Structure formats: C-alpha cells, structure tokens
Protein backbone atom coordinates (compact mmCIF):
# COMPACT_ATOMS: atom_id res chain seq x y z
CA UNK A 1 18.24 -6.26 26.41
CA UNK A 2 18.20 -3.15 24.38
CA UNK A 3 15.52 -1.20 25.87
CA UNK A 4 12.64 -1.28 28.38
CA UNK A 5 9.12 -1.33 26.87
CA UNK A 6 6.91 1.01 28.67
CA UNK A 7 3.06 0.28 28.34
CA UNK A 8 0.54 3.12 29.05
CA UNK A 9 -3.24 3.45 28.72
CA UNK A 10 -5.44 6.34 27.49
CA UNK A 11 -8.82 7.01 28.94
CA UNK A 12 -11.61 7.00 26.44
CA UNK A 13 -11.90 10.91 26.70
CA UNK A 14 -8.00 11.08 26.19
CA UNK A 15 -8.40 8.77 22.98
CA UNK A 16 -11.30 10.98 21.51
CA UNK A 17 -9.22 14.08 22.10
CA UNK A 18 -6.16 12.64 20.41
CA UNK A 19 -8.37 11.60 17.54
CA UNK A 20 -9.84 15.04 17.32
CA UNK A 21 -6.33 16.49 17.28
CA UNK A 22 -4.86 14.22 14.88
CA UNK A 23 -7.54 13.19 12.14
CA UNK A 24 -6.51 10.39 9.75
CA UNK A 25 -6.78 12.19 6.48
CA UNK A 26 -6.63 10.34 3.10
CA UNK A 27 -3.70 11.20 0.57
CA UNK A 28 -4.54 13.31 -2.15
CA UNK A 29 -2.09 11.78 -4.75
CA UNK A 30 -1.97 8.16 -4.86
CA UNK A 31 -0.12 6.38 -7.52
CA UNK A 32 -1.81 3.60 -9.18
CA UNK A 33 1.40 1.48 -9.39
CA UNK A 34 0.78 1.14 -5.38
CA UNK A 35 -2.57 -0.63 -5.62
CA UNK A 36 -1.20 -2.99 -8.68
CA UNK A 37 1.14 -4.94 -6.38
CA UNK A 38 -1.32 -8.10 -6.32
CA UNK A 39 -1.00 -8.16 -10.15
CA UNK A 40 2.57 -8.39 -10.12
CA UNK A 41 2.94 -11.88 -11.76
CA UNK A 42 0.52 -10.98 -14.55
CA UNK A 43 1.91 -7.95 -15.62
CA UNK A 44 4.42 -9.58 -18.01
CA UNK A 45 2.58 -12.18 -19.56
CA UNK A 46 1.74 -10.14 -22.84
CA UNK A 47 5.51 -9.92 -23.45
CA UNK A 48 5.88 -13.18 -24.68
CA UNK A 49 2.63 -13.28 -26.85
CA UNK A 50 3.56 -10.00 -28.45
CA UNK A 51 7.04 -11.00 -29.20
CA UNK A 52 5.89 -14.26 -30.80
CA UNK A 53 3.56 -12.43 -32.80
CA UNK A 54 6.15 -9.69 -34.16
CA UNK A 55 8.44 -12.50 -34.88
CA UNK A 56 6.03 -15.23 -36.69
CA UNK A 57 2.91 -12.96 -37.55
CA UNK A 58 -0.56 -13.58 -36.14
C-alpha cells in the first residue's frame, strides 16, 4: 500500500467559514478554444470542400 487515506469531516460552520475565506472566482481570460472541444470532429470538414473548389472550381 502506498499511503493511508485519512477521512475527515467539516461541520457546517467550518464549511461556511472555508467558503467565505476561499470563494470560487470565475477566470477573467478564458480562451475560446477551451470551449470548442466538443466540435473537434467538425472543425476540419471544410478543408476537403475548399480544396476541391480551388482545384475544380465551384
């Protein structure tokens, strides 16, 4: 075994104090490429059409 896992619990007051001391803040500069990972398969479909148009015309 690598190490022992220690489990501890917070009371509701301790949890509220932790949240107040360490609030979750949204990032200021989020890259748009981070949000387009779902469209990864459709990003390059235009290349074949554009290449065919330049080679054979519209």
